[in-house]
Each structure stands twice: as C-alpha cells, then as structure tokens.
Amino acid sequence: MRVDTKDGRCRTCGSQLNITDADDATMFVECLECGDAYQVEPDAFGDGCMTYYLGAMTERMEGGEDE
C-alpha cells in the first residue's frame, strides 16, 4: 500500500513510501526511491489508524497484494 506524499514521506530522502507489512504494534515501510526501510507507529501518518494501518492489516489478513 502506497502512502500519499501529503501524509508522509521517507525520512531519508523525502520520496514516497510503500507499506510492506504491519503487525499489532507497527507498520513496516520502504522508500520507493532510496530503498530505506524502517518501522513506524500505526498512526505515523496522522489518519487515526483508519486508512493506512487498517488497510495494511486488512491486506495482511487477506494474504497480501499484487503490487
């Protein structure tokens, strides 16, 4: 799941992030430009955990995505 750049950007280079996984306490993100990968808290993008975290957990429970 890609993070809209208005909500969050890579802390290293400022490019777009992709959420690669999530668990009950964190989300794992990877930069599409520089490849930096790190963990963030579920509400790291200020959406109240309703867009990105919920979406990432749903994808995880459904078996992933085709990207």
N, C-alpha and C. Protein backbone atom coordinates (compact mmCIF):
# COMPACT_ATOMS: atom_id res chain seq x y z
N MET A 1 0.84 -1.16 0.00
CA MET A 1 0.00 0.00 0.00
C MET A 1 0.90 1.24 0.00
N ARG A 2 0.67 2.13 -0.91
CA ARG A 2 1.48 3.35 -1.01
C ARG A 2 0.91 4.45 -0.11
N VAL A 3 1.81 5.21 0.49
CA VAL A 3 1.44 6.34 1.34
C VAL A 3 1.42 7.59 0.49
N ASP A 4 0.33 8.33 0.55
CA ASP A 4 0.23 9.60 -0.17
C ASP A 4 1.29 10.54 0.37
N THR A 5 2.02 11.21 -0.50
CA THR A 5 3.12 12.08 -0.06
C THR A 5 2.63 13.26 0.77
N LYS A 6 1.37 13.60 0.70
CA LYS A 6 0.86 14.68 1.57
C LYS A 6 0.72 14.19 3.01
N ASP A 7 0.68 12.86 3.20
CA ASP A 7 0.54 12.29 4.54
C ASP A 7 1.88 11.91 5.16
N GLY A 8 2.84 11.52 4.35
CA GLY A 8 4.13 11.11 4.87
C GLY A 8 5.13 10.85 3.76
N ARG A 9 6.39 11.06 4.08
CA ARG A 9 7.49 10.86 3.12
C ARG A 9 8.64 10.15 3.80
N CYS A 10 9.54 9.63 3.00
CA CYS A 10 10.74 8.97 3.50
C CYS A 10 11.54 9.94 4.38
N ARG A 11 11.96 9.46 5.54
CA ARG A 11 12.74 10.32 6.44
C ARG A 11 14.16 10.53 5.95
N THR A 12 14.60 9.73 4.98
CA THR A 12 15.96 9.87 4.45
C THR A 12 16.01 10.80 3.25
N CYS A 13 15.13 10.58 2.26
CA CYS A 13 15.22 11.36 1.02
C CYS A 13 13.97 12.15 0.68
N GLY A 14 12.86 11.94 1.40
CA GLY A 14 11.64 12.70 1.16
C GLY A 14 10.76 12.15 0.05
N SER A 15 11.04 10.95 -0.43
CA SER A 15 10.23 10.36 -1.50
C SER A 15 9.06 9.55 -0.95
N GLN A 16 8.31 8.94 -1.85
CA GLN A 16 7.11 8.20 -1.48
C GLN A 16 7.45 6.88 -0.78
N LEU A 17 6.60 6.53 0.19
CA LEU A 17 6.76 5.30 0.95
C LEU A 17 5.74 4.25 0.53
N ASN A 18 6.12 3.00 0.69
CA ASN A 18 5.23 1.88 0.48
C ASN A 18 5.17 1.09 1.78
N ILE A 19 3.97 0.79 2.26
CA ILE A 19 3.82 -0.03 3.46
C ILE A 19 3.94 -1.48 3.02
N THR A 20 4.94 -2.17 3.56
CA THR A 20 5.20 -3.54 3.14
C THR A 20 4.60 -4.58 4.08
N ASP A 21 4.35 -4.21 5.34
CA ASP A 21 3.79 -5.15 6.31
C ASP A 21 3.31 -4.38 7.52
N ALA A 22 2.54 -5.04 8.36
CA ALA A 22 2.06 -4.45 9.61
C ALA A 22 1.83 -5.56 10.61
N ASP A 23 1.96 -5.21 11.88
CA ASP A 23 1.61 -6.14 12.94
C ASP A 23 0.77 -5.37 13.96
N ASP A 24 0.57 -5.95 15.13
CA ASP A 24 -0.31 -5.30 16.10
C ASP A 24 0.27 -4.03 16.72
N ALA A 25 1.53 -3.72 16.47
CA ALA A 25 2.14 -2.54 17.09
C ALA A 25 2.86 -1.61 16.11
N THR A 26 3.16 -2.07 14.91
CA THR A 26 3.94 -1.25 13.97
C THR A 26 3.53 -1.51 12.53
N MET A 27 3.98 -0.59 11.68
CA MET A 27 3.90 -0.79 10.23
C MET A 27 5.33 -0.73 9.72
N PHE A 28 5.61 -1.48 8.69
CA PHE A 28 6.93 -1.51 8.08
C PHE A 28 6.83 -0.79 6.74
N VAL A 29 7.67 0.22 6.54
CA VAL A 29 7.63 1.00 5.30
C VAL A 29 8.96 0.91 4.57
N GLU A 30 8.89 1.09 3.25
CA GLU A 30 10.09 1.11 2.42
C GLU A 30 9.95 2.25 1.42
N CYS A 31 11.03 3.00 1.25
CA CYS A 31 11.04 4.11 0.31
C CYS A 31 11.12 3.57 -1.12
N LEU A 32 10.30 4.12 -1.99
CA LEU A 32 10.30 3.69 -3.39
C LEU A 32 11.50 4.23 -4.14
N GLU A 33 12.16 5.25 -3.63
CA GLU A 33 13.30 5.87 -4.32
C GLU A 33 14.65 5.34 -3.81
N CYS A 34 14.91 5.50 -2.51
CA CYS A 34 16.23 5.15 -1.99
C CYS A 34 16.29 3.75 -1.37
N GLY A 35 15.14 3.13 -1.12
CA GLY A 35 15.11 1.79 -0.57
C GLY A 35 15.24 1.70 0.94
N ASP A 36 15.33 2.85 1.62
CA ASP A 36 15.41 2.83 3.08
C ASP A 36 14.15 2.15 3.63
N ALA A 37 14.30 1.29 4.60
CA ALA A 37 13.18 0.57 5.19
C ALA A 37 13.25 0.70 6.70
N TYR A 38 12.10 0.93 7.33
CA TYR A 38 12.06 1.09 8.77
C TYR A 38 10.64 0.91 9.28
N GLN A 39 10.51 0.82 10.61
CA GLN A 39 9.22 0.68 11.26
C GLN A 39 8.68 2.04 11.67
N VAL A 40 7.36 2.16 11.63
CA VAL A 40 6.68 3.36 12.12
C VAL A 40 5.49 2.92 12.97
N GLU A 41 5.01 3.82 13.80
CA GLU A 41 3.84 3.51 14.62
C GLU A 41 2.59 3.48 13.76
N PRO A 42 1.52 2.82 14.20
CA PRO A 42 0.31 2.70 13.39
C PRO A 42 -0.32 4.03 12.96
N ASP A 43 -0.17 5.09 13.77
CA ASP A 43 -0.74 6.39 13.40
C ASP A 43 0.34 7.37 12.91
N ALA A 44 1.40 6.85 12.32
CA ALA A 44 2.51 7.70 11.88
C ALA A 44 2.09 8.72 10.83
N PHE A 45 1.01 8.47 10.11
CA PHE A 45 0.61 9.36 9.03
C PHE A 45 -0.61 10.22 9.39
N GLY A 46 -0.95 10.26 10.68
CA GLY A 46 -1.97 11.16 11.19
C GLY A 46 -3.39 10.87 10.72
N ASP A 47 -3.68 9.62 10.42
CA ASP A 47 -5.01 9.27 9.91
C ASP A 47 -5.87 8.56 10.95
N GLY A 48 -5.42 8.55 12.21
CA GLY A 48 -6.16 7.86 13.26
C GLY A 48 -6.21 6.36 13.07
N CYS A 49 -5.24 5.83 12.36
CA CYS A 49 -5.12 4.39 12.06
C CYS A 49 -6.23 3.87 11.16
N MET A 50 -7.00 4.75 10.54
CA MET A 50 -8.16 4.31 9.77
C MET A 50 -7.88 4.06 8.29
N THR A 51 -6.84 4.64 7.75
CA THR A 51 -6.55 4.46 6.33
C THR A 51 -5.40 3.49 6.12
N TYR A 52 -4.24 3.87 6.55
CA TYR A 52 -3.04 3.09 6.25
C TYR A 52 -2.93 1.84 7.13
N TYR A 53 -3.05 1.98 8.43
CA TYR A 53 -2.89 0.82 9.31
C TYR A 53 -4.01 -0.19 9.07
N LEU A 54 -5.24 0.27 9.04
CA LEU A 54 -6.37 -0.62 8.80
C LEU A 54 -6.23 -1.30 7.44
N GLY A 55 -5.84 -0.54 6.43
CA GLY A 55 -5.64 -1.11 5.10
C GLY A 55 -4.53 -2.13 5.06
N ALA A 56 -3.42 -1.84 5.73
CA ALA A 56 -2.28 -2.77 5.76
C ALA A 56 -2.64 -4.04 6.51
N MET A 57 -3.37 -3.92 7.60
CA MET A 57 -3.78 -5.10 8.34
C MET A 57 -4.79 -5.93 7.55
N THR A 58 -5.68 -5.27 6.85
CA THR A 58 -6.65 -5.97 6.01
C THR A 58 -5.93 -6.75 4.91
N GLU A 59 -4.97 -6.11 4.24
CA GLU A 59 -4.20 -6.79 3.20
C GLU A 59 -3.45 -7.98 3.78
N ARG A 60 -2.90 -7.81 4.96
CA ARG A 60 -2.16 -8.91 5.59
C ARG A 60 -3.08 -10.10 5.86
N MET A 61 -4.26 -9.82 6.38
CA MET A 61 -5.20 -10.90 6.71
C MET A 61 -5.78 -11.55 5.46
N GLU A 62 -5.85 -10.80 4.37
CA GLU A 62 -6.37 -11.35 3.12
C GLU A 62 -5.28 -12.03 2.29
N GLY A 63 -4.06 -11.96 2.74
CA GLY A 63 -2.98 -12.66 2.06
C GLY A 63 -2.10 -11.80 1.20
N GLY A 64 -2.09 -10.48 1.39
CA GLY A 64 -1.19 -9.61 0.64
C GLY A 64 -1.84 -8.94 -0.54
N GLU A 65 -0.99 -8.30 -1.33
CA GLU A 65 -1.46 -7.56 -2.51
C GLU A 65 -0.65 -7.98 -3.70
N ASP A 66 -1.07 -7.57 -4.86
CA ASP A 66 -0.42 -7.97 -6.12
C ASP A 66 0.49 -6.91 -6.70
N GLU A 67 1.08 -6.03 -5.87
CA GLU A 67 1.97 -4.99 -6.39
C GLU A 67 3.38 -5.44 -6.41
